[in-house]
Amino acid sequence: NRKLLEEILLNFFETQADADSEIVAALESKDKNKAIRIAHSLKGLAGTIGAQKLQKSATELEGAIRDEKGDLSKIQVRVS
């Protein structure tokens, strides 16, 4: 169903378009749990729409945030 797919993709874009800046803001405010939740949501939603590269990147980002023991400012989002 093309219309349903368009709605799903538009909803994904509308809800996730600012995920990167939200993660950065959470990290800057030292809210590690919020940054993890945002990355986790992005990972799950990317998987739902079949965006495998984005899902993989979000998985790596979530893990990096979760495992970071020191300065969270060292985590950088890579777009490839």
PDB file of N, CA and C in Angstrom:
ATOM      1  N   ASN A   1       0.845  -1.174   0.000  1.00  0.00           N
ATOM      2  CA  ASN A   1       0.000   0.000   0.000  1.00  0.00           C
ATOM      3  C   ASN A   1       0.892   1.239   0.000  1.00  0.00           C
ATOM      4  N   ARG A   2       0.950   1.895  -1.128  1.00  0.00           N
ATOM      5  CA  ARG A   2       1.831   3.045  -1.303  1.00  0.00           C
ATOM      6  C   ARG A   2       1.493   4.196  -0.352  1.00  0.00           C
ATOM      7  N   LYS A   3       0.216   4.464  -0.161  1.00  0.00           N
ATOM      8  CA  LYS A   3      -0.183   5.568   0.715  1.00  0.00           C
ATOM      9  C   LYS A   3       0.254   5.302   2.157  1.00  0.00           C
ATOM     10  N   LEU A   4       0.098   4.088   2.615  1.00  0.00           N
ATOM     11  CA  LEU A   4       0.515   3.737   3.966  1.00  0.00           C
ATOM     12  C   LEU A   4       2.028   3.884   4.121  1.00  0.00           C
ATOM     13  N   LEU A   5       2.775   3.426   3.132  1.00  0.00           N
ATOM     14  CA  LEU A   5       4.231   3.562   3.172  1.00  0.00           C
ATOM     15  C   LEU A   5       4.637   5.037   3.222  1.00  0.00           C
ATOM     16  N   GLU A   6       3.986   5.859   2.425  1.00  0.00           N
ATOM     17  CA  GLU A   6       4.277   7.299   2.442  1.00  0.00           C
ATOM     18  C   GLU A   6       4.005   7.889   3.817  1.00  0.00           C
ATOM     19  N   GLU A   7       2.900   7.483   4.437  1.00  0.00           N
ATOM     20  CA  GLU A   7       2.559   7.984   5.774  1.00  0.00           C
ATOM     21  C   GLU A   7       3.594   7.542   6.810  1.00  0.00           C
ATOM     22  N   ILE A   8       4.019   6.300   6.724  1.00  0.00           N
ATOM     23  CA  ILE A   8       5.019   5.779   7.665  1.00  0.00           C
ATOM     24  C   ILE A   8       6.338   6.528   7.516  1.00  0.00           C
ATOM     25  N   LEU A   9       6.767   6.723   6.270  1.00  0.00           N
ATOM     26  CA  LEU A   9       8.037   7.422   6.034  1.00  0.00           C
ATOM     27  C   LEU A   9       7.951   8.881   6.447  1.00  0.00           C
ATOM     28  N   LEU A  10       6.828   9.535   6.168  1.00  0.00           N
ATOM     29  CA  LEU A  10       6.652  10.930   6.576  1.00  0.00           C
ATOM     30  C   LEU A  10       6.661  11.038   8.097  1.00  0.00           C
ATOM     31  N   ASN A  11       5.989  10.117   8.776  1.00  0.00           N
ATOM     32  CA  ASN A  11       5.979  10.119  10.235  1.00  0.00           C
ATOM     33  C   ASN A  11       7.390   9.910  10.791  1.00  0.00           C
ATOM     34  N   PHE A  12       8.138   8.993  10.176  1.00  0.00           N
ATOM     35  CA  PHE A  12       9.515   8.772  10.604  1.00  0.00           C
ATOM     36  C   PHE A  12      10.318  10.067  10.475  1.00  0.00           C
ATOM     37  N   PHE A  13      10.194  10.709   9.328  1.00  0.00           N
ATOM     38  CA  PHE A  13      10.935  11.950   9.111  1.00  0.00           C
ATOM     39  C   PHE A  13      10.531  13.013  10.126  1.00  0.00           C
ATOM     40  N   GLU A  14       9.230  13.153  10.352  1.00  0.00           N
ATOM     41  CA  GLU A  14       8.753  14.193  11.270  1.00  0.00           C
ATOM     42  C   GLU A  14       9.203  13.945  12.707  1.00  0.00           C
ATOM     43  N   THR A  15       9.254  12.688  13.114  1.00  0.00           N
ATOM     44  CA  THR A  15       9.597  12.404  14.511  1.00  0.00           C
ATOM     45  C   THR A  15      11.093  12.243  14.746  1.00  0.00           C
ATOM     46  N   GLN A  16      11.857  11.967  13.701  1.00  0.00           N
ATOM     47  CA  GLN A  16      13.278  11.671  13.888  1.00  0.00           C
ATOM     48  C   GLN A  16      14.215  12.686  13.242  1.00  0.00           C
ATOM     49  N   ALA A  17      13.679  13.681  12.579  1.00  0.00           N
ATOM     50  CA  ALA A  17      14.514  14.642  11.857  1.00  0.00           C
ATOM     51  C   ALA A  17      15.521  15.354  12.758  1.00  0.00           C
ATOM     52  N   ASP A  18      15.162  15.555  14.010  1.00  0.00           N
ATOM     53  CA  ASP A  18      16.038  16.274  14.936  1.00  0.00           C
ATOM     54  C   ASP A  18      16.730  15.352  15.938  1.00  0.00           C
ATOM     55  N   ALA A  19      16.717  14.059  15.680  1.00  0.00           N
ATOM     56  CA  ALA A  19      17.306  13.111  16.635  1.00  0.00           C
ATOM     57  C   ALA A  19      18.775  13.429  16.900  1.00  0.00           C
ATOM     58  N   ASP A  20      19.513  13.800  15.864  1.00  0.00           N
ATOM     59  CA  ASP A  20      20.935  14.093  16.057  1.00  0.00           C
ATOM     60  C   ASP A  20      21.148  15.272  16.994  1.00  0.00           C
ATOM     61  N   SER A  21      20.426  16.362  16.770  1.00  0.00           N
ATOM     62  CA  SER A  21      20.595  17.534  17.634  1.00  0.00           C
ATOM     63  C   SER A  21      20.054  17.276  19.035  1.00  0.00           C
ATOM     64  N   GLU A  22      19.027  16.444  19.152  1.00  0.00           N
ATOM     65  CA  GLU A  22      18.508  16.086  20.471  1.00  0.00           C
ATOM     66  C   GLU A  22      19.528  15.258  21.251  1.00  0.00           C
ATOM     67  N   ILE A  23      20.222  14.366  20.573  1.00  0.00           N
ATOM     68  CA  ILE A  23      21.265  13.571  21.231  1.00  0.00           C
ATOM     69  C   ILE A  23      22.406  14.469  21.685  1.00  0.00           C
ATOM     70  N   VAL A  24      22.829  15.362  20.802  1.00  0.00           N
ATOM     71  CA  VAL A  24      23.902  16.296  21.156  1.00  0.00           C
ATOM     72  C   VAL A  24      23.498  17.130  22.360  1.00  0.00           C
ATOM     73  N   ALA A  25      22.273  17.657  22.353  1.00  0.00           N
ATOM     74  CA  ALA A  25      21.808  18.478  23.473  1.00  0.00           C
ATOM     75  C   ALA A  25      21.765  17.663  24.766  1.00  0.00           C
ATOM     76  N   ALA A  26      21.313  16.427  24.680  1.00  0.00           N
ATOM     77  CA  ALA A  26      21.273  15.575  25.870  1.00  0.00           C
ATOM     78  C   ALA A  26      22.675  15.324  26.405  1.00  0.00           C
ATOM     79  N   LEU A  27      23.612  15.068  25.511  1.00  0.00           N
ATOM     80  CA  LEU A  27      24.994  14.839  25.942  1.00  0.00           C
ATOM     81  C   LEU A  27      25.600  16.103  26.533  1.00  0.00           C
ATOM     82  N   GLU A  28      25.314  17.238  25.919  1.00  0.00           N
ATOM     83  CA  GLU A  28      25.849  18.502  26.446  1.00  0.00           C
ATOM     84  C   GLU A  28      25.302  18.814  27.836  1.00  0.00           C
ATOM     85  N   SER A  29      24.061  18.392  28.090  1.00  0.00           N
ATOM     86  CA  SER A  29      23.473  18.631  29.411  1.00  0.00           C
ATOM     87  C   SER A  29      23.735  17.470  30.370  1.00  0.00           C
ATOM     88  N   LYS A  30      24.618  16.554  29.943  1.00  0.00           N
ATOM     89  CA  LYS A  30      25.041  15.409  30.764  1.00  0.00           C
ATOM     90  C   LYS A  30      23.889  14.443  31.077  1.00  0.00           C
ATOM     91  N   ASP A  31      22.877  14.397  30.186  1.00  0.00           N
ATOM     92  CA  ASP A  31      21.748  13.487  30.368  1.00  0.00           C
ATOM     93  C   ASP A  31      21.974  12.256  29.485  1.00  0.00           C
ATOM     94  N   LYS A  32      22.840  11.382  29.960  1.00  0.00           N
ATOM     95  CA  LYS A  32      23.223  10.184  29.217  1.00  0.00           C
ATOM     96  C   LYS A  32      22.019   9.293  28.930  1.00  0.00           C
ATOM     97  N   ASN A  33      21.141   9.124  29.912  1.00  0.00           N
ATOM     98  CA  ASN A  33      19.981   8.256  29.724  1.00  0.00           C
ATOM     99  C   ASN A  33      19.064   8.763  28.614  1.00  0.00           C
ATOM    100  N   LYS A  34      18.878  10.067  28.542  1.00  0.00           N
ATOM    101  CA  LYS A  34      18.041  10.627  27.476  1.00  0.00           C
ATOM    102  C   LYS A  34      18.692  10.388  26.117  1.00  0.00           C
ATOM    103  N   ALA A  35      19.986  10.586  26.022  1.00  0.00           N
ATOM    104  CA  ALA A  35      20.699  10.357  24.763  1.00  0.00           C
ATOM    105  C   ALA A  35      20.579   8.898  24.334  1.00  0.00           C
ATOM    106  N   ILE A  36      20.671   7.988  25.288  1.00  0.00           N
ATOM    107  CA  ILE A  36      20.524   6.557  24.992  1.00  0.00           C
ATOM    108  C   ILE A  36      19.116   6.272  24.498  1.00  0.00           C
ATOM    109  N   ARG A  37      18.103   6.836  25.151  1.00  0.00           N
ATOM    110  CA  ARG A  37      16.712   6.609  24.734  1.00  0.00           C
ATOM    111  C   ARG A  37      16.466   7.103  23.312  1.00  0.00           C
ATOM    112  N   ILE A  38      17.004   8.267  22.975  1.00  0.00           N
ATOM    113  CA  ILE A  38      16.805   8.819  21.635  1.00  0.00           C
ATOM    114  C   ILE A  38      17.482   7.931  20.594  1.00  0.00           C
ATOM    115  N   ALA A  39      18.712   7.526  20.858  1.00  0.00           N
ATOM    116  CA  ALA A  39      19.429   6.649  19.923  1.00  0.00           C
ATOM    117  C   ALA A  39      18.723   5.302  19.797  1.00  0.00           C
ATOM    118  N   HIS A  40      18.223   4.787  20.897  1.00  0.00           N
ATOM    119  CA  HIS A  40      17.518   3.506  20.895  1.00  0.00           C
ATOM    120  C   HIS A  40      16.235   3.599  20.060  1.00  0.00           C
ATOM    121  N   SER A  41      15.499   4.681  20.231  1.00  0.00           N
ATOM    122  CA  SER A  41      14.270   4.878  19.450  1.00  0.00           C
ATOM    123  C   SER A  41      14.584   4.996  17.968  1.00  0.00           C
ATOM    124  N   LEU A  42      15.612   5.751  17.644  1.00  0.00           N
ATOM    125  CA  LEU A  42      16.019   5.899  16.249  1.00  0.00           C
ATOM    126  C   LEU A  42      16.390   4.538  15.669  1.00  0.00           C
ATOM    127  N   LYS A  43      17.121   3.751  16.431  1.00  0.00           N
ATOM    128  CA  LYS A  43      17.523   2.409  15.993  1.00  0.00           C
ATOM    129  C   LYS A  43      16.299   1.549  15.680  1.00  0.00           C
ATOM    130  N   GLY A  44      15.353   1.526  16.574  1.00  0.00           N
ATOM    131  CA  GLY A  44      14.163   0.705  16.387  1.00  0.00           C
ATOM    132  C   GLY A  44      13.309   1.167  15.222  1.00  0.00           C
ATOM    133  N   LEU A  45      13.108   2.461  15.116  1.00  0.00           N
ATOM    134  CA  LEU A  45      12.277   2.985  14.038  1.00  0.00           C
ATOM    135  C   LEU A  45      12.951   2.809  12.680  1.00  0.00           C
ATOM    136  N   ALA A  46      14.261   2.969  12.652  1.00  0.00           N
ATOM    137  CA  ALA A  46      14.995   2.745  11.397  1.00  0.00           C
ATOM    138  C   ALA A  46      14.843   1.301  10.960  1.00  0.00           C
ATOM    139  N   GLY A  47      14.897   0.384  11.904  1.00  0.00           N
ATOM    140  CA  GLY A  47      14.700  -1.024  11.580  1.00  0.00           C
ATOM    141  C   GLY A  47      13.307  -1.295  11.061  1.00  0.00           C
ATOM    142  N   THR A  48      12.329  -0.624  11.631  1.00  0.00           N
ATOM    143  CA  THR A  48      10.944  -0.801  11.219  1.00  0.00           C
ATOM    144  C   THR A  48      10.723  -0.406   9.759  1.00  0.00           C
ATOM    145  N   ILE A  49      11.417   0.646   9.325  1.00  0.00           N
ATOM    146  CA  ILE A  49      11.221   1.093   7.936  1.00  0.00           C
ATOM    147  C   ILE A  49      12.245   0.478   6.976  1.00  0.00           C
ATOM    148  N   GLY A  50      13.127  -0.356   7.509  1.00  0.00           N
ATOM    149  CA  GLY A  50      14.090  -1.039   6.643  1.00  0.00           C
ATOM    150  C   GLY A  50      15.320  -0.221   6.301  1.00  0.00           C
ATOM    151  N   ALA A  51      15.592   0.821   7.086  1.00  0.00           N
ATOM    152  CA  ALA A  51      16.774   1.658   6.859  1.00  0.00           C
ATOM    153  C   ALA A  51      17.951   1.016   7.607  1.00  0.00           C
ATOM    154  N   GLN A  52      18.537  -0.003   6.990  1.00  0.00           N
ATOM    155  CA  GLN A  52      19.529  -0.835   7.672  1.00  0.00           C
ATOM    156  C   GLN A  52      20.806  -0.084   8.034  1.00  0.00           C
ATOM    157  N   LYS A  53      21.299   0.773   7.150  1.00  0.00           N
ATOM    158  CA  LYS A  53      22.520   1.518   7.469  1.00  0.00           C
ATOM    159  C   LYS A  53      22.287   2.475   8.628  1.00  0.00           C
ATOM    160  N   LEU A  54      21.143   3.139   8.628  1.00  0.00           N
ATOM    161  CA  LEU A  54      20.817   4.037   9.725  1.00  0.00           C
ATOM    162  C   LEU A  54      20.639   3.251  11.020  1.00  0.00           C
ATOM    163  N   GLN A  55      20.003   2.106  10.943  1.00  0.00           N
ATOM    164  CA  GLN A  55      19.821   1.269  12.119  1.00  0.00           C
ATOM    165  C   GLN A  55      21.175   0.844  12.693  1.00  0.00           C
ATOM    166  N   LYS A  56      22.094   0.453  11.823  1.00  0.00           N
ATOM    167  CA  LYS A  56      23.426   0.045  12.271  1.00  0.00           C
ATOM    168  C   LYS A  56      24.160   1.211  12.933  1.00  0.00           C
ATOM    169  N   SER A  57      24.081   2.382  12.316  1.00  0.00           N
ATOM    170  CA  SER A  57      24.745   3.560  12.890  1.00  0.00           C
ATOM    171  C   SER A  57      24.144   3.925  14.241  1.00  0.00           C
ATOM    172  N   ALA A  58      22.822   3.866  14.341  1.00  0.00           N
ATOM    173  CA  ALA A  58      22.164   4.187  15.609  1.00  0.00           C
ATOM    174  C   ALA A  58      22.516   3.159  16.686  1.00  0.00           C
ATOM    175  N   THR A  59      22.666   1.901  16.284  1.00  0.00           N
ATOM    176  CA  THR A  59      23.088   0.853  17.220  1.00  0.00           C
ATOM    177  C   THR A  59      24.481   1.149  17.759  1.00  0.00           C
ATOM    178  N   GLU A  60      25.389   1.519  16.864  1.00  0.00           N
ATOM    179  CA  GLU A  60      26.757   1.845  17.277  1.00  0.00           C
ATOM    180  C   GLU A  60      26.774   3.076  18.174  1.00  0.00           C
ATOM    181  N   LEU A  61      25.964   4.074  17.825  1.00  0.00           N
ATOM    182  CA  LEU A  61      25.909   5.289  18.634  1.00  0.00           C
ATOM    183  C   LEU A  61      25.351   4.990  20.022  1.00  0.00           C
ATOM    184  N   GLU A  62      24.280   4.222  20.073  1.00  0.00           N
ATOM    185  CA  GLU A  62      23.701   3.867  21.363  1.00  0.00           C
ATOM    186  C   GLU A  62      24.726   3.140  22.236  1.00  0.00           C
ATOM    187  N   GLY A  63      25.448   2.203  21.641  1.00  0.00           N
ATOM    188  CA  GLY A  63      26.475   1.475  22.381  1.00  0.00           C
ATOM    189  C   GLY A  63      27.599   2.379  22.855  1.00  0.00           C
ATOM    190  N   ALA A  64      28.008   3.306  22.008  1.00  0.00           N
ATOM    191  CA  ALA A  64      29.085   4.231  22.381  1.00  0.00           C
ATOM    192  C   ALA A  64      28.664   5.118  23.544  1.00  0.00           C
ATOM    193  N   ILE A  65      27.432   5.581  23.510  1.00  0.00           N
ATOM    194  CA  ILE A  65      26.946   6.423  24.610  1.00  0.00           C
ATOM    195  C   ILE A  65      26.839   5.593  25.886  1.00  0.00           C
ATOM    196  N   ARG A  66      26.278   4.413  25.765  1.00  0.00           N
ATOM    197  CA  ARG A  66      26.064   3.531  26.925  1.00  0.00           C
ATOM    198  C   ARG A  66      27.398   3.137  27.577  1.00  0.00           C
ATOM    199  N   ASP A  67      28.422   2.843  26.773  1.00  0.00           N
ATOM    200  CA  ASP A  67      29.686   2.332  27.288  1.00  0.00           C
ATOM    201  C   ASP A  67      30.680   3.410  27.686  1.00  0.00           C
ATOM    202  N   GLU A  68      30.412   4.638  27.321  1.00  0.00           N
ATOM    203  CA  GLU A  68      31.366   5.720  27.611  1.00  0.00           C
ATOM    204  C   GLU A  68      31.518   5.880  29.119  1.00  0.00           C
ATOM    205  N   LYS A  69      32.751   5.820  29.579  1.00  0.00           N
ATOM    206  CA  LYS A  69      33.017   5.923  31.010  1.00  0.00           C
ATOM    207  C   LYS A  69      33.383   7.348  31.439  1.00  0.00           C
ATOM    208  N   GLY A  70      33.867   8.133  30.496  1.00  0.00           N
ATOM    209  CA  GLY A  70      34.357   9.457  30.866  1.00  0.00           C
ATOM    210  C   GLY A  70      33.601  10.580  30.179  1.00  0.00           C
ATOM    211  N   ASP A  71      34.322  11.355  29.413  1.00  0.00           N
ATOM    212  CA  ASP A  71      33.809  12.562  28.790  1.00  0.00           C
ATOM    213  C   ASP A  71      32.948  12.226  27.576  1.00  0.00           C
ATOM    214  N   LEU A  72      31.652  12.458  27.683  1.00  0.00           N
ATOM    215  CA  LEU A  72      30.740  12.147  26.592  1.00  0.00           C
ATOM    216  C   LEU A  72      30.937  13.063  25.388  1.00  0.00           C
ATOM    217  N   SER A  73      31.636  14.153  25.533  1.00  0.00           N
ATOM    218  CA  SER A  73      31.865  15.053  24.406  1.00  0.00           C
ATOM    219  C   SER A  73      32.780  14.402  23.365  1.00  0.00           C
ATOM    220  N   LYS A  74      33.427  13.295  23.735  1.00  0.00           N
ATOM    221  CA  LYS A  74      34.307  12.593  22.782  1.00  0.00           C
ATOM    222  C   LYS A  74      33.522  11.810  21.742  1.00  0.00           C
ATOM    223  N   ILE A  75      32.244  11.580  21.997  1.00  0.00           N
ATOM    224  CA  ILE A  75      31.409  10.836  21.052  1.00  0.00           C
ATOM    225  C   ILE A  75      31.020  11.775  19.917  1.00  0.00           C
ATOM    226  N   GLN A  76      31.294  11.363  18.703  1.00  0.00           N
ATOM    227  CA  GLN A  76      30.958  12.165  17.541  1.00  0.00           C
ATOM    228  C   GLN A  76      30.071  11.352  16.613  1.00  0.00           C
ATOM    229  N   VAL A  77      29.029  11.996  16.101  1.00  0.00           N
ATOM    230  CA  VAL A  77      28.142  11.338  15.156  1.00  0.00           C
ATOM    231  C   VAL A  77      28.792  11.399  13.796  1.00  0.00           C
ATOM    232  N   ARG A  78      28.922  10.230  13.150  1.00  0.00           N
ATOM    233  CA  ARG A  78      29.513  10.142  11.818  1.00  0.00           C
ATOM    234  C   ARG A  78      28.403   9.864  10.816  1.00  0.00           C
ATOM    235  N   VAL A  79      28.386  10.636   9.750  1.00  0.00           N
ATOM    236  CA  VAL A  79      27.439  10.392   8.669  1.00  0.00           C
ATOM    237  C   VAL A  79      28.231   9.893   7.488  1.00  0.00           C
ATOM    238  N   SER A  80      27.870   8.687   7.003  1.00  0.00           N
ATOM    239  CA  SER A  80      28.608   8.135   5.865  1.00  0.00           C
ATOM    240  C   SER A  80      27.645   7.582   4.848  1.00  0.00           C
TER     241      SER A  80
END
